[in-house]
Amino acid sequence: MIRKLKSFIRDEEAATAVEYSVLLALILMAIIGTVTIVGTETNEMLGGINDSLQSTLFGS
């Protein structure tokens, strides 16, 4: 068991897989953060447009 663990630790393919996993996690976090910010800004913008239209059309 210990030999397999040492072999896995020395294995460059395993290290590469871990590096790609970490890189993928960072990219996904950046994408999720960006989509969240853009979604919030879009929601606020459309809410303002909706309020303007309602006050113009219905005078309230």
PDB file of N, CA and C in Angstrom:
ATOM      1  N   MET A   1       0.825  -1.193   0.000  1.00  0.00           N
ATOM      2  CA  MET A   1       0.000   0.000   0.000  1.00  0.00           C
ATOM      3  C   MET A   1       0.870   1.258   0.000  1.00  0.00           C
ATOM      4  N   ILE A   2       1.900   1.253   0.835  1.00  0.00           N
ATOM      5  CA  ILE A   2       2.784   2.414   0.910  1.00  0.00           C
ATOM      6  C   ILE A   2       3.545   2.580  -0.401  1.00  0.00           C
ATOM      7  N   ARG A   3       3.932   1.475  -1.024  1.00  0.00           N
ATOM      8  CA  ARG A   3       4.617   1.557  -2.319  1.00  0.00           C
ATOM      9  C   ARG A   3       3.721   2.213  -3.366  1.00  0.00           C
ATOM     10  N   LYS A   4       2.462   1.821  -3.373  1.00  0.00           N
ATOM     11  CA  LYS A   4       1.529   2.410  -4.336  1.00  0.00           C
ATOM     12  C   LYS A   4       1.359   3.905  -4.082  1.00  0.00           C
ATOM     13  N   LEU A   5       1.291   4.288  -2.817  1.00  0.00           N
ATOM     14  CA  LEU A   5       1.152   5.701  -2.468  1.00  0.00           C
ATOM     15  C   LEU A   5       2.383   6.486  -2.906  1.00  0.00           C
ATOM     16  N   LYS A   6       3.568   5.956  -2.637  1.00  0.00           N
ATOM     17  CA  LYS A   6       4.800   6.627  -3.063  1.00  0.00           C
ATOM     18  C   LYS A   6       4.866   6.713  -4.582  1.00  0.00           C
ATOM     19  N   SER A   7       4.459   5.650  -5.242  1.00  0.00           N
ATOM     20  CA  SER A   7       4.454   5.640  -6.704  1.00  0.00           C
ATOM     21  C   SER A   7       3.486   6.691  -7.244  1.00  0.00           C
ATOM     22  N   PHE A   8       2.330   6.799  -6.611  1.00  0.00           N
ATOM     23  CA  PHE A   8       1.333   7.784  -7.039  1.00  0.00           C
ATOM     24  C   PHE A   8       1.856   9.204  -6.842  1.00  0.00           C
ATOM     25  N   ILE A   9       2.537   9.428  -5.733  1.00  0.00           N
ATOM     26  CA  ILE A   9       3.065  10.764  -5.446  1.00  0.00           C
ATOM     27  C   ILE A   9       4.147  11.139  -6.453  1.00  0.00           C
ATOM     28  N   ARG A  10       4.969  10.180  -6.855  1.00  0.00           N
ATOM     29  CA  ARG A  10       6.046  10.438  -7.818  1.00  0.00           C
ATOM     30  C   ARG A  10       5.547  10.492  -9.257  1.00  0.00           C
ATOM     31  N   ASP A  11       4.391   9.952  -9.489  1.00  0.00           N
ATOM     32  CA  ASP A  11       3.870   9.860 -10.848  1.00  0.00           C
ATOM     33  C   ASP A  11       3.555  11.256 -11.380  1.00  0.00           C
ATOM     34  N   GLU A  12       4.165  11.619 -12.486  1.00  0.00           N
ATOM     35  CA  GLU A  12       3.951  12.948 -13.057  1.00  0.00           C
ATOM     36  C   GLU A  12       2.564  13.101 -13.652  1.00  0.00           C
ATOM     37  N   GLU A  13       1.978  12.036 -14.133  1.00  0.00           N
ATOM     38  CA  GLU A  13       0.621  12.122 -14.675  1.00  0.00           C
ATOM     39  C   GLU A  13      -0.370  12.490 -13.584  1.00  0.00           C
ATOM     40  N   ALA A  14      -0.171  11.947 -12.391  1.00  0.00           N
ATOM     41  CA  ALA A  14      -1.058  12.291 -11.279  1.00  0.00           C
ATOM     42  C   ALA A  14      -0.892  13.761 -10.907  1.00  0.00           C
ATOM     43  N   ALA A  15       0.355  14.230 -10.902  1.00  0.00           N
ATOM     44  CA  ALA A  15       0.604  15.641 -10.585  1.00  0.00           C
ATOM     45  C   ALA A  15      -0.033  16.541 -11.639  1.00  0.00           C
ATOM     46  N   THR A  16       0.078  16.137 -12.884  1.00  0.00           N
ATOM     47  CA  THR A  16      -0.529  16.916 -13.957  1.00  0.00           C
ATOM     48  C   THR A  16      -2.045  16.938 -13.819  1.00  0.00           C
ATOM     49  N   ALA A  17      -2.628  15.817 -13.461  1.00  0.00           N
ATOM     50  CA  ALA A  17      -4.080  15.755 -13.282  1.00  0.00           C
ATOM     51  C   ALA A  17      -4.523  16.676 -12.149  1.00  0.00           C
ATOM     52  N   VAL A  18      -3.755  16.697 -11.075  1.00  0.00           N
ATOM     53  CA  VAL A  18      -4.088  17.577  -9.952  1.00  0.00           C
ATOM     54  C   VAL A  18      -3.952  19.038 -10.375  1.00  0.00           C
ATOM     55  N   GLU A  19      -2.908  19.358 -11.113  1.00  0.00           N
ATOM     56  CA  GLU A  19      -2.725  20.736 -11.574  1.00  0.00           C
ATOM     57  C   GLU A  19      -3.874  21.171 -12.479  1.00  0.00           C
ATOM     58  N   TYR A  20      -4.271  20.307 -13.380  1.00  0.00           N
ATOM     59  CA  TYR A  20      -5.399  20.640 -14.255  1.00  0.00           C
ATOM     60  C   TYR A  20      -6.692  20.785 -13.451  1.00  0.00           C
ATOM     61  N   SER A  21      -6.866  19.971 -12.434  1.00  0.00           N
ATOM     62  CA  SER A  21      -8.066  20.067 -11.598  1.00  0.00           C
ATOM     63  C   SER A  21      -8.110  21.402 -10.866  1.00  0.00           C
ATOM     64  N   VAL A  22      -6.975  21.813 -10.328  1.00  0.00           N
ATOM     65  CA  VAL A  22      -6.911  23.096  -9.625  1.00  0.00           C
ATOM     66  C   VAL A  22      -7.160  24.245 -10.602  1.00  0.00           C
ATOM     67  N   LEU A  23      -6.552  24.168 -11.771  1.00  0.00           N
ATOM     68  CA  LEU A  23      -6.755  25.198 -12.789  1.00  0.00           C
ATOM     69  C   LEU A  23      -8.217  25.273 -13.214  1.00  0.00           C
ATOM     70  N   LEU A  24      -8.838  24.126 -13.416  1.00  0.00           N
ATOM     71  CA  LEU A  24     -10.250  24.086 -13.788  1.00  0.00           C
ATOM     72  C   LEU A  24     -11.124  24.688 -12.692  1.00  0.00           C
ATOM     73  N   ALA A  25     -10.811  24.385 -11.433  1.00  0.00           N
ATOM     74  CA  ALA A  25     -11.584  24.938 -10.321  1.00  0.00           C
ATOM     75  C   ALA A  25     -11.477  26.461 -10.293  1.00  0.00           C
ATOM     76  N   LEU A  26     -10.280  26.992 -10.525  1.00  0.00           N
ATOM     77  CA  LEU A  26     -10.101  28.450 -10.536  1.00  0.00           C
ATOM     78  C   LEU A  26     -10.857  29.101 -11.688  1.00  0.00           C
ATOM     79  N   ILE A  27     -10.809  28.475 -12.851  1.00  0.00           N
ATOM     80  CA  ILE A  27     -11.536  29.013 -14.005  1.00  0.00           C
ATOM     81  C   ILE A  27     -13.034  28.996 -13.745  1.00  0.00           C
ATOM     82  N   LEU A  28     -13.534  27.909 -13.181  1.00  0.00           N
ATOM     83  CA  LEU A  28     -14.969  27.823 -12.891  1.00  0.00           C
ATOM     84  C   LEU A  28     -15.390  28.861 -11.860  1.00  0.00           C
ATOM     85  N   MET A  29     -14.551  29.100 -10.851  1.00  0.00           N
ATOM     86  CA  MET A  29     -14.881  30.119  -9.858  1.00  0.00           C
ATOM     87  C   MET A  29     -14.945  31.500 -10.505  1.00  0.00           C
ATOM     88  N   ALA A  30     -14.032  31.781 -11.420  1.00  0.00           N
ATOM     89  CA  ALA A  30     -14.046  33.071 -12.115  1.00  0.00           C
ATOM     90  C   ALA A  30     -15.291  33.213 -12.979  1.00  0.00           C
ATOM     91  N   ILE A  31     -15.662  32.151 -13.674  1.00  0.00           N
ATOM     92  CA  ILE A  31     -16.860  32.190 -14.524  1.00  0.00           C
ATOM     93  C   ILE A  31     -18.109  32.384 -13.681  1.00  0.00           C
ATOM     94  N   ILE A  32     -18.219  31.637 -12.589  1.00  0.00           N
ATOM     95  CA  ILE A  32     -19.397  31.751 -11.722  1.00  0.00           C
ATOM     96  C   ILE A  32     -19.488  33.158 -11.129  1.00  0.00           C
ATOM     97  N   GLY A  33     -18.359  33.706 -10.697  1.00  0.00           N
ATOM     98  CA  GLY A  33     -18.356  35.067 -10.157  1.00  0.00           C
ATOM     99  C   GLY A  33     -18.777  36.095 -11.188  1.00  0.00           C
ATOM    100  N   THR A  34     -18.268  35.954 -12.401  1.00  0.00           N
ATOM    101  CA  THR A  34     -18.612  36.886 -13.473  1.00  0.00           C
ATOM    102  C   THR A  34     -20.086  36.803 -13.827  1.00  0.00           C
ATOM    103  N   VAL A  35     -20.601  35.599 -13.963  1.00  0.00           N
ATOM    104  CA  VAL A  35     -22.017  35.421 -14.304  1.00  0.00           C
ATOM    105  C   VAL A  35     -22.903  35.982 -13.200  1.00  0.00           C
ATOM    106  N   THR A  36     -22.505  35.798 -11.955  1.00  0.00           N
ATOM    107  CA  THR A  36     -23.285  36.331 -10.838  1.00  0.00           C
ATOM    108  C   THR A  36     -23.331  37.859 -10.882  1.00  0.00           C
ATOM    109  N   ILE A  37     -22.186  38.472 -11.103  1.00  0.00           N
ATOM    110  CA  ILE A  37     -22.133  39.938 -11.154  1.00  0.00           C
ATOM    111  C   ILE A  37     -22.939  40.471 -12.334  1.00  0.00           C
ATOM    112  N   VAL A  38     -22.753  39.875 -13.503  1.00  0.00           N
ATOM    113  CA  VAL A  38     -23.486  40.321 -14.692  1.00  0.00           C
ATOM    114  C   VAL A  38     -24.985  40.110 -14.495  1.00  0.00           C
ATOM    115  N   GLY A  39     -25.370  38.991 -13.901  1.00  0.00           N
ATOM    116  CA  GLY A  39     -26.784  38.719 -13.658  1.00  0.00           C
ATOM    117  C   GLY A  39     -27.405  39.729 -12.715  1.00  0.00           C
ATOM    118  N   THR A  40     -26.684  40.083 -11.667  1.00  0.00           N
ATOM    119  CA  THR A  40     -27.188  41.069 -10.711  1.00  0.00           C
ATOM    120  C   THR A  40     -27.339  42.437 -11.370  1.00  0.00           C
ATOM    121  N   GLU A  41     -26.325  42.838 -12.116  1.00  0.00           N
ATOM    122  CA  GLU A  41     -26.386  44.137 -12.798  1.00  0.00           C
ATOM    123  C   GLU A  41     -27.521  44.177 -13.823  1.00  0.00           C
ATOM    124  N   THR A  42     -27.696  43.099 -14.560  1.00  0.00           N
ATOM    125  CA  THR A  42     -28.769  43.034 -15.555  1.00  0.00           C
ATOM    126  C   THR A  42     -30.130  43.092 -14.877  1.00  0.00           C
ATOM    127  N   ASN A  43     -30.275  42.384 -13.773  1.00  0.00           N
ATOM    128  CA  ASN A  43     -31.531  42.384 -13.036  1.00  0.00           C
ATOM    129  C   ASN A  43     -31.863  43.788 -12.529  1.00  0.00           C
ATOM    130  N   GLU A  44     -30.867  44.485 -12.002  1.00  0.00           N
ATOM    131  CA  GLU A  44     -31.096  45.848 -11.520  1.00  0.00           C
ATOM    132  C   GLU A  44     -31.460  46.789 -12.666  1.00  0.00           C
ATOM    133  N   MET A  45     -30.784  46.629 -13.798  1.00  0.00           N
ATOM    134  CA  MET A  45     -31.068  47.486 -14.951  1.00  0.00           C
ATOM    135  C   MET A  45     -32.488  47.251 -15.454  1.00  0.00           C
ATOM    136  N   LEU A  46     -32.866  45.993 -15.603  1.00  0.00           N
ATOM    137  CA  LEU A  46     -34.208  45.686 -16.094  1.00  0.00           C
ATOM    138  C   LEU A  46     -35.278  46.089 -15.085  1.00  0.00           C
ATOM    139  N   GLY A  47     -34.962  46.003 -13.802  1.00  0.00           N
ATOM    140  CA  GLY A  47     -35.896  46.466 -12.779  1.00  0.00           C
ATOM    141  C   GLY A  47     -36.140  47.961 -12.889  1.00  0.00           C
ATOM    142  N   GLY A  48     -35.075  48.719 -13.160  1.00  0.00           N
ATOM    143  CA  GLY A  48     -35.220  50.165 -13.354  1.00  0.00           C
ATOM    144  C   GLY A  48     -36.045  50.493 -14.583  1.00  0.00           C
ATOM    145  N   ILE A  49     -35.831  49.765 -15.655  1.00  0.00           N
ATOM    146  CA  ILE A  49     -36.622  49.962 -16.874  1.00  0.00           C
ATOM    147  C   ILE A  49     -38.083  49.632 -16.606  1.00  0.00           C
ATOM    148  N   ASN A  50     -38.325  48.555 -15.885  1.00  0.00           N
ATOM    149  CA  ASN A  50     -39.692  48.152 -15.552  1.00  0.00           C
ATOM    150  C   ASN A  50     -40.384  49.228 -14.716  1.00  0.00           C
ATOM    151  N   ASP A  51     -39.681  49.764 -13.731  1.00  0.00           N
ATOM    152  CA  ASP A  51     -40.260  50.823 -12.901  1.00  0.00           C
ATOM    153  C   ASP A  51     -40.592  52.062 -13.733  1.00  0.00           C
ATOM    154  N   SER A  52     -39.695  52.427 -14.643  1.00  0.00           N
ATOM    155  CA  SER A  52     -39.933  53.596 -15.499  1.00  0.00           C
ATOM    156  C   SER A  52     -41.139  53.387 -16.396  1.00  0.00           C
ATOM    157  N   LEU A  53     -41.242  52.206 -16.980  1.00  0.00           N
ATOM    158  CA  LEU A  53     -42.382  51.921 -17.854  1.00  0.00           C
ATOM    159  C   LEU A  53     -43.697  51.916 -17.079  1.00  0.00           C
ATOM    160  N   GLN A  54     -43.688  51.334 -15.893  1.00  0.00           N
ATOM    161  CA  GLN A  54     -44.918  51.297 -15.100  1.00  0.00           C
ATOM    162  C   GLN A  54     -45.350  52.699 -14.695  1.00  0.00           C
ATOM    163  N   SER A  55     -44.392  53.535 -14.303  1.00  0.00           N
ATOM    164  CA  SER A  55     -44.771  54.896 -13.900  1.00  0.00           C
ATOM    165  C   SER A  55     -45.235  55.715 -15.105  1.00  0.00           C
ATOM    166  N   THR A  56     -44.673  55.441 -16.273  1.00  0.00           N
ATOM    167  CA  THR A  56     -45.092  56.160 -17.477  1.00  0.00           C
ATOM    168  C   THR A  56     -46.469  55.702 -17.939  1.00  0.00           C
ATOM    169  N   LEU A  57     -46.687  54.402 -17.950  1.00  0.00           N
ATOM    170  CA  LEU A  57     -47.943  53.861 -18.466  1.00  0.00           C
ATOM    171  C   LEU A  57     -49.099  53.996 -17.485  1.00  0.00           C
ATOM    172  N   PHE A  58     -48.822  53.780 -16.225  1.00  0.00           N
ATOM    173  CA  PHE A  58     -49.908  53.732 -15.245  1.00  0.00           C
ATOM    174  C   PHE A  58     -49.910  54.928 -14.303  1.00  0.00           C
ATOM    175  N   GLY A  59     -48.902  55.764 -14.378  1.00  0.00           N
ATOM    176  CA  GLY A  59     -48.865  56.984 -13.586  1.00  0.00           C
ATOM    177  C   GLY A  59     -48.803  56.767 -12.093  1.00  0.00           C
ATOM    178  N   SER A  60     -48.274  55.640 -11.663  1.00  0.00           N
ATOM    179  CA  SER A  60     -48.216  55.421 -10.207  1.00  0.00           C
ATOM    180  C   SER A  60     -46.846  55.608  -9.658  1.00  0.00           C
TER     181      SER A  60
END
